[in-house]
N, C-alpha and C. Protein backbone atom coordinates (compact mmCIF):
# COMPACT_ATOMS: atom_id res chain seq x y z
N MET A 1 -17.77 20.22 26.96
CA MET A 1 -18.94 19.76 26.24
C MET A 1 -18.62 19.49 24.77
N GLY A 2 -17.65 20.22 24.19
CA GLY A 2 -17.32 20.06 22.79
C GLY A 2 -16.39 18.88 22.52
N SER A 3 -15.61 18.47 23.51
CA SER A 3 -14.67 17.38 23.28
C SER A 3 -15.29 16.03 23.67
N LEU A 4 -14.75 14.98 23.10
CA LEU A 4 -15.27 13.64 23.40
C LEU A 4 -14.39 12.99 24.47
N SER A 5 -15.02 12.40 25.44
CA SER A 5 -14.29 11.73 26.51
C SER A 5 -14.01 10.28 26.12
N ILE A 6 -13.29 9.59 26.97
CA ILE A 6 -12.97 8.19 26.72
C ILE A 6 -14.23 7.34 26.65
N TRP A 7 -15.25 7.70 27.40
CA TRP A 7 -16.50 6.94 27.40
C TRP A 7 -17.22 7.05 26.07
N HIS A 8 -17.16 8.22 25.45
CA HIS A 8 -17.76 8.38 24.13
C HIS A 8 -17.07 7.47 23.11
N TRP A 9 -15.73 7.43 23.16
CA TRP A 9 -14.97 6.60 22.22
C TRP A 9 -15.23 5.12 22.45
N LEU A 10 -15.39 4.71 23.72
CA LEU A 10 -15.69 3.31 24.00
C LEU A 10 -17.06 2.91 23.47
N ILE A 11 -18.04 3.80 23.58
CA ILE A 11 -19.37 3.51 23.04
C ILE A 11 -19.31 3.41 21.52
N VAL A 12 -18.57 4.29 20.87
CA VAL A 12 -18.41 4.23 19.41
C VAL A 12 -17.74 2.91 19.02
N LEU A 13 -16.72 2.50 19.75
CA LEU A 13 -16.02 1.25 19.47
C LEU A 13 -16.95 0.05 19.60
N VAL A 14 -17.78 0.01 20.64
CA VAL A 14 -18.72 -1.08 20.83
C VAL A 14 -19.73 -1.13 19.70
N VAL A 15 -20.23 0.02 19.27
CA VAL A 15 -21.20 0.06 18.17
C VAL A 15 -20.56 -0.44 16.87
N VAL A 16 -19.32 -0.03 16.60
CA VAL A 16 -18.63 -0.48 15.39
C VAL A 16 -18.42 -1.99 15.44
N LEU A 17 -18.03 -2.52 16.59
CA LEU A 17 -17.84 -3.96 16.73
C LEU A 17 -19.16 -4.71 16.52
N LEU A 18 -20.26 -4.17 17.01
CA LEU A 18 -21.55 -4.82 16.83
C LEU A 18 -22.00 -4.78 15.37
N VAL A 19 -21.73 -3.69 14.69
CA VAL A 19 -22.18 -3.56 13.31
C VAL A 19 -21.34 -4.42 12.37
N PHE A 20 -20.02 -4.34 12.47
CA PHE A 20 -19.16 -5.01 11.51
C PHE A 20 -18.70 -6.40 11.97
N GLY A 21 -18.60 -6.63 13.24
CA GLY A 21 -18.11 -7.91 13.74
C GLY A 21 -16.59 -7.92 13.78
N THR A 22 -16.03 -8.76 14.64
CA THR A 22 -14.58 -8.77 14.83
C THR A 22 -13.85 -9.39 13.64
N LYS A 23 -14.43 -10.38 13.00
CA LYS A 23 -13.75 -11.04 11.89
C LYS A 23 -13.57 -10.09 10.71
N LYS A 24 -14.61 -9.34 10.38
CA LYS A 24 -14.53 -8.40 9.26
C LYS A 24 -13.52 -7.29 9.56
N LEU A 25 -13.51 -6.81 10.82
CA LEU A 25 -12.56 -5.77 11.19
C LEU A 25 -11.12 -6.30 11.17
N ARG A 26 -10.93 -7.56 11.56
CA ARG A 26 -9.60 -8.16 11.53
C ARG A 26 -9.12 -8.29 10.08
N ASN A 27 -10.00 -8.71 9.18
CA ASN A 27 -9.64 -8.81 7.76
C ASN A 27 -9.32 -7.44 7.18
N LEU A 28 -10.10 -6.45 7.56
CA LEU A 28 -9.86 -5.09 7.09
C LEU A 28 -8.51 -4.58 7.56
N GLY A 29 -8.16 -4.88 8.82
CA GLY A 29 -6.87 -4.46 9.36
C GLY A 29 -5.71 -5.13 8.66
N SER A 30 -5.84 -6.43 8.38
CA SER A 30 -4.74 -7.12 7.70
C SER A 30 -4.60 -6.66 6.25
N ASP A 31 -5.71 -6.38 5.58
CA ASP A 31 -5.65 -5.86 4.22
C ASP A 31 -4.99 -4.49 4.18
N LEU A 32 -5.35 -3.65 5.14
CA LEU A 32 -4.76 -2.32 5.22
C LEU A 32 -3.27 -2.40 5.52
N GLY A 33 -2.89 -3.30 6.43
CA GLY A 33 -1.47 -3.49 6.75
C GLY A 33 -0.68 -3.99 5.55
N GLY A 34 -1.25 -4.91 4.78
CA GLY A 34 -0.59 -5.42 3.58
C GLY A 34 -0.41 -4.34 2.53
N ALA A 35 -1.42 -3.48 2.40
CA ALA A 35 -1.32 -2.39 1.44
C ALA A 35 -0.23 -1.40 1.83
N VAL A 36 -0.15 -1.08 3.12
CA VAL A 36 0.89 -0.15 3.58
C VAL A 36 2.27 -0.77 3.40
N LYS A 37 2.40 -2.06 3.68
CA LYS A 37 3.69 -2.74 3.52
C LYS A 37 4.11 -2.75 2.04
N GLY A 38 3.18 -3.04 1.15
CA GLY A 38 3.48 -3.01 -0.28
C GLY A 38 3.87 -1.63 -0.76
N PHE A 39 3.21 -0.61 -0.24
CA PHE A 39 3.53 0.76 -0.62
C PHE A 39 4.94 1.12 -0.16
N LYS A 40 5.30 0.74 1.06
CA LYS A 40 6.64 1.04 1.58
C LYS A 40 7.71 0.33 0.76
N GLU A 41 7.47 -0.94 0.39
CA GLU A 41 8.43 -1.68 -0.43
C GLU A 41 8.58 -1.03 -1.80
N GLY A 42 7.48 -0.57 -2.38
CA GLY A 42 7.54 0.10 -3.67
C GLY A 42 8.32 1.41 -3.59
N MET A 43 8.16 2.12 -2.50
CA MET A 43 8.91 3.37 -2.32
C MET A 43 10.40 3.08 -2.15
N LYS A 44 10.75 2.00 -1.45
CA LYS A 44 12.15 1.64 -1.27
C LYS A 44 12.78 1.25 -2.61
N GLU A 45 12.05 0.49 -3.44
CA GLU A 45 12.57 0.08 -4.74
C GLU A 45 12.79 1.30 -5.63
N GLY A 46 11.89 2.24 -5.59
CA GLY A 46 12.02 3.45 -6.40
C GLY A 46 13.21 4.28 -5.99
N THR A 47 13.45 4.41 -4.70
CA THR A 47 14.59 5.21 -4.23
C THR A 47 15.90 4.48 -4.44
N SER A 48 15.91 3.15 -4.36
CA SER A 48 17.16 2.42 -4.57
C SER A 48 17.60 2.51 -6.02
N GLU A 49 16.66 2.54 -6.97
CA GLU A 49 17.02 2.69 -8.37
C GLU A 49 17.59 4.07 -8.63
N GLN A 50 17.03 5.09 -8.01
CA GLN A 50 17.51 6.44 -8.21
C GLN A 50 18.87 6.64 -7.58
N VAL A 51 19.10 6.05 -6.43
CA VAL A 51 20.38 6.19 -5.75
C VAL A 51 21.48 5.46 -6.52
N ALA A 52 21.17 4.30 -7.06
CA ALA A 52 22.16 3.51 -7.78
C ALA A 52 22.49 4.13 -9.14
N GLY A 53 21.72 5.08 -9.60
CA GLY A 53 21.97 5.71 -10.88
C GLY A 53 21.43 4.90 -12.04
N ASP A 54 20.63 3.91 -11.76
CA ASP A 54 20.04 3.08 -12.79
C ASP A 54 18.96 3.87 -13.52
N THR A 55 18.91 3.74 -14.83
CA THR A 55 17.88 4.44 -15.59
C THR A 55 16.57 3.68 -15.48
N PRO A 56 15.47 4.36 -15.48
CA PRO A 56 14.18 3.68 -15.42
C PRO A 56 13.97 2.79 -16.64
N ALA A 57 13.13 1.79 -16.51
CA ALA A 57 12.89 0.81 -17.57
C ALA A 57 12.30 1.47 -18.82
N LYS A 58 11.61 2.57 -18.68
CA LYS A 58 10.97 3.21 -19.82
C LYS A 58 11.98 3.87 -20.76
N THR A 59 13.17 4.23 -20.28
CA THR A 59 14.12 4.95 -21.10
C THR A 59 15.29 4.08 -21.56
N ARG A 60 15.28 2.82 -21.24
CA ARG A 60 16.37 1.94 -21.65
C ARG A 60 16.26 1.64 -23.14
N THR A 61 17.41 1.53 -23.80
CA THR A 61 17.46 1.23 -25.23
C THR A 61 17.88 -0.21 -25.41
N ILE A 62 17.18 -0.92 -26.29
CA ILE A 62 17.51 -2.31 -26.58
C ILE A 62 18.07 -2.35 -28.00
N ASP A 63 19.28 -2.89 -28.14
CA ASP A 63 19.94 -2.97 -29.43
C ASP A 63 19.57 -4.31 -30.08
N VAL A 64 18.91 -4.26 -31.24
CA VAL A 64 18.50 -5.47 -31.95
C VAL A 64 18.87 -5.36 -33.42
N GLU A 65 18.87 -6.48 -34.07
CA GLU A 65 19.15 -6.52 -35.49
C GLU A 65 17.91 -7.03 -36.20
N ALA A 66 17.41 -6.29 -37.19
CA ALA A 66 16.22 -6.68 -37.92
C ALA A 66 16.62 -7.43 -39.19
N LYS A 67 15.90 -8.49 -39.46
CA LYS A 67 16.14 -9.28 -40.69
C LYS A 67 14.85 -9.32 -41.47
N GLU A 68 15.00 -9.33 -42.82
CA GLU A 68 13.83 -9.41 -43.67
C GLU A 68 13.38 -10.86 -43.77
N LYS A 69 12.08 -11.03 -43.90
CA LYS A 69 11.49 -12.36 -44.04
C LYS A 69 11.59 -12.79 -45.50
N THR A 70 12.04 -14.00 -45.74
CA THR A 70 12.15 -14.46 -47.12
C THR A 70 11.18 -15.55 -47.44
């Protein structure tokens, strides 16, 4: 009595499809997939910089020469 059967889940799925529609759910799924893909790529870039021994962009020093304006 406490657990939900497959029939309960099917009824919930039908109600969600009726409320939101298939197009909106498809867009939501593709947006979520794109966000997960971007997150994974960002994590790979972060680990590749650490493995290569590259210093983060915030701590890099730029050597410049200052000249006075005349």
